[in-house]
Protein backbone atom coordinates (compact mmCIF):
# COMPACT_ATOMS: atom_id res chain seq x y z
CA MET A 1 -8.12 15.22 -2.01
CA LYS A 2 -11.65 16.47 -1.49
CA ARG A 3 -13.57 15.39 1.63
CA ALA A 4 -16.35 13.88 -0.53
CA ASP A 5 -13.78 11.68 -2.34
CA TYR A 6 -12.31 10.63 1.01
CA ASP A 7 -15.77 9.69 2.34
CA ARG A 8 -16.62 7.63 -0.78
CA LEU A 9 -13.31 5.78 -0.65
CA ALA A 10 -13.62 5.16 3.08
CA LYS A 11 -17.00 3.49 2.47
CA GLU A 12 -15.50 1.31 -0.28
CA ALA A 13 -12.48 0.43 1.87
CA PHE A 14 -14.68 -0.61 4.80
CA GLU A 15 -16.72 -2.81 2.43
CA LEU A 16 -13.48 -4.50 1.31
CA TYR A 17 -12.37 -5.02 4.92
CA GLU A 18 -15.76 -6.65 5.62
CA LYS A 19 -15.38 -8.95 2.62
CA ALA A 20 -11.99 -9.98 4.03
CA HIS A 21 -13.63 -10.61 7.45
CA ILE A 22 -11.43 -7.94 9.04
CA VAL A 23 -13.13 -6.61 12.17
CA LEU A 24 -12.27 -2.99 12.96
CA THR A 25 -13.06 -0.96 16.05
CA ASP A 26 -14.69 2.47 15.76
CA ALA A 27 -11.35 4.04 16.75
CA GLU A 28 -9.55 2.16 13.96
CA LYS A 29 -12.20 3.23 11.45
CA ALA A 30 -11.85 6.84 12.57
CA ALA A 31 -8.09 6.63 12.02
CA LEU A 32 -8.36 5.36 8.42
CA GLU A 33 -5.71 6.99 6.25
CA ILE A 34 -6.41 7.48 2.57
CA THR A 35 -3.58 8.81 0.48
CA ASP A 36 -3.65 9.92 -3.14
CA TYR A 37 0.11 10.56 -3.08
CA ALA A 38 -0.65 14.16 -4.20
CA LEU A 39 -1.26 12.91 -7.74
CA GLY A 40 -4.92 13.92 -7.79
CA ASN A 41 -6.37 10.61 -9.02
CA VAL A 42 -6.87 8.49 -5.91
CA ARG A 43 -9.03 5.92 -7.70
CA GLU A 44 -6.02 5.10 -9.88
CA THR A 45 -3.11 5.73 -7.49
CA GLY A 46 -3.90 5.55 -3.80
CA THR A 47 -4.06 3.38 -0.70
CA GLU A 48 -6.50 3.04 2.22
CA ILE A 49 -4.61 2.15 5.41
CA ILE A 50 -5.44 1.12 8.97
CA ILE A 51 -2.45 1.05 11.34
CA TYR A 52 -2.93 -1.28 14.31
CA VAL A 53 0.47 -0.79 15.89
CA ASN A 54 3.74 0.94 14.99
CA THR A 55 6.31 0.69 17.78
CA GLU A 56 10.08 0.92 17.85
CA ARG A 57 10.20 -2.80 17.01
CA CYS A 58 7.20 -3.75 14.88
CA CYS A 59 4.30 -2.55 12.78
CA ALA A 60 1.01 -4.10 11.67
CA LYS A 61 -1.39 -2.60 9.10
CA GLU A 62 -4.32 -3.42 6.88
CA MET A 63 -4.26 -1.94 3.40
CA ALA A 64 -7.27 -1.84 1.12
CA LEU A 65 -7.09 -1.16 -2.60
CA ILE A 66 -10.22 -0.61 -4.66
CA PRO A 67 -10.34 -2.41 -8.03
CA PHE A 68 -7.19 -1.74 -10.07
CA GLN A 69 -5.92 0.86 -7.59
CA THR A 70 -2.12 1.07 -7.34
CA CYS A 71 0.28 1.84 -4.52
CA PRO A 72 3.15 3.51 -6.45
CA GLU A 73 6.73 2.31 -6.66
CA HIS A 74 8.79 3.02 -3.55
CA ARG A 75 11.34 1.62 -1.13
CA HIS A 76 11.94 1.71 2.61
CA ALA A 77 15.56 2.80 2.85
CA PRO A 78 17.85 2.86 5.88
CA ILE A 79 17.87 6.08 7.91
CA GLU A 80 21.43 6.34 9.17
CA SER A 81 20.82 9.31 11.49
CA ILE A 82 18.63 7.14 13.76
CA GLY A 83 20.28 3.78 13.10
CA TYR A 84 17.26 2.44 11.21
CA PRO A 85 18.17 -0.38 8.80
CA GLY A 86 15.09 0.09 6.59
CA LYS A 87 11.76 -1.71 6.79
CA GLU A 88 11.41 -5.43 6.24
CA GLU A 89 7.78 -6.23 5.45
CA THR A 90 5.57 -9.18 4.75
CA PHE A 91 2.41 -8.76 2.70
CA ARG A 92 -0.33 -11.34 3.23
CA CYS A 93 -3.31 -11.20 0.91
CA ARG A 94 -6.63 -11.43 2.77
CA TYR A 95 -9.07 -10.71 -0.05
CA GLY A 96 -8.93 -10.35 -3.83
CA THR A 97 -5.80 -10.53 -5.92
CA VAL A 98 -2.66 -8.45 -5.46
CA TYR A 99 -0.13 -7.98 -8.25
CA LEU A 100 3.13 -7.14 -6.48
CA TYR A 101 6.16 -5.98 -8.46
CA VAL A 102 9.68 -6.17 -7.06
CA GLU A 103 13.25 -6.08 -8.28
CA GLY A 104 14.33 -9.07 -10.36
CA GLU A 105 13.83 -10.55 -13.80
CA PRO A 106 10.90 -8.70 -15.41
CA THR A 107 7.81 -10.82 -16.00
CA ALA A 108 7.18 -11.27 -19.74
CA ALA A 109 3.46 -10.43 -19.61
CA PRO A 110 2.66 -8.66 -16.34
CA LYS A 111 -0.99 -8.73 -15.31
CA ALA A 112 -1.13 -5.19 -13.87
CA LYS A 113 -0.89 -2.04 -15.92
CA PRO A 114 0.92 0.74 -14.08
CA PRO A 115 -0.87 4.07 -14.04
CA GLN A 116 0.80 7.21 -15.26
CA GLY A 117 3.99 7.78 -13.27
CA VAL A 118 7.44 6.28 -12.88
CA TYR A 119 7.67 2.48 -12.60
CA THR A 120 10.94 0.57 -13.04
CA VAL A 121 10.50 -2.91 -11.50
CA PHE A 122 8.35 -5.58 -13.14
CA HIS A 123 9.14 -8.92 -11.51
CA GLU A 124 5.59 -10.07 -10.74
CA ILE A 125 4.44 -11.87 -7.61
CA VAL A 126 0.71 -12.74 -7.63
CA LEU A 127 -0.85 -13.00 -4.18
CA ARG A 128 -4.25 -14.54 -3.55
CA PRO A 129 -5.98 -14.97 -0.17
CA GLY A 130 -3.70 -16.79 2.25
CA GLU A 131 -0.53 -16.18 0.23
CA GLN A 132 2.26 -13.94 1.40
CA TYR A 133 5.60 -12.47 0.35
CA THR A 134 8.41 -10.89 2.38
CA MET A 135 10.53 -7.98 1.14
CA HIS A 136 13.88 -7.02 2.59
CA PRO A 137 14.71 -3.39 3.44
CA ASN A 138 15.36 -1.01 0.54
CA THR A 139 13.58 -3.24 -2.03
CA LEU A 140 11.85 -1.27 -4.78
CA HIS A 141 8.23 -2.40 -5.07
CA TRP A 142 4.73 -1.39 -6.14
CA PHE A 143 1.43 -3.22 -6.15
CA GLN A 144 -2.01 -3.14 -7.72
CA ALA A 145 -5.36 -4.73 -6.87
CA GLY A 146 -7.16 -6.99 -9.28
CA PRO A 147 -10.73 -6.43 -10.53
CA GLU A 148 -12.40 -7.20 -7.18
CA GLY A 149 -10.09 -4.95 -5.14
CA ALA A 150 -7.80 -6.32 -2.45
CA VAL A 151 -7.02 -6.33 1.24
CA ILE A 152 -3.43 -6.84 2.36
CA SER A 153 -2.18 -7.36 5.90
CA GLU A 154 1.29 -5.95 6.42
CA PHE A 155 3.58 -7.21 9.16
CA SER A 156 6.86 -5.33 9.37
CA THR A 157 9.60 -3.81 11.37
CA THR A 158 9.02 -0.19 12.44
CA SER A 159 7.44 1.92 9.74
CA TYR A 160 8.52 5.45 8.86
CA ASP A 161 6.02 6.01 6.02
CA GLU A 162 6.89 9.70 5.84
CA CYS A 163 10.45 8.66 4.83
CA ASP A 164 9.47 6.28 2.02
CA ILE A 165 11.43 7.00 -1.14
CA PHE A 166 9.23 7.07 -4.23
CA THR A 167 10.61 6.59 -7.74
CA ASP A 168 8.26 9.27 -9.05
CA PRO A 169 9.49 12.66 -7.73
CA ALA A 170 5.97 14.12 -8.02
CA ILE A 171 4.69 11.92 -5.17
CA VAL A 172 4.03 13.27 -1.69
CA ARG A 173 3.34 10.51 0.84
CA THR A 174 1.35 12.39 3.49
CA PRO A 175 -2.25 12.99 2.45
CA LYS A 176 -4.01 16.35 2.61
CA ILE A 177 -7.80 16.44 2.84
CA ASP A 178 -9.57 19.59 1.61
CA GLY A 179 -12.98 20.64 2.96
């Protein structure tokens, strides 16, 4: 991702956090992570993330998605070598609308349209401000913001984002910023 794209998205993410009444310190703002999943179209597939805490027992994050932006399908699998059972996470919508897709009976007319890539689960959960949903470890899921964008608070067990397993083999989780 180009530095200019990162800077534009950071500005948009901070505007979304403000709309959700999320107060961030300067240090948190400086640590904003924006990932395009190495797909080269961050406005379509990407996530803007603030990590408050990630310890051996718990994790708390804020995720912003600009309008219609998608976090691609993935799961948080167990890591046997370190005795990690996989991540259990709760998403709580703070602003906008989130279309969350998980394993289960596919929804007949899903509201979100997945971008180009590999998507296999289509059981739709719609989250609006104040609503939340908890996923057990190793649950395939993806999510997309509605037309106004979205802010999601995540509360979870320890997060090993670098070990997320994406359905689309072209995805690389760790972002790289050029120039």
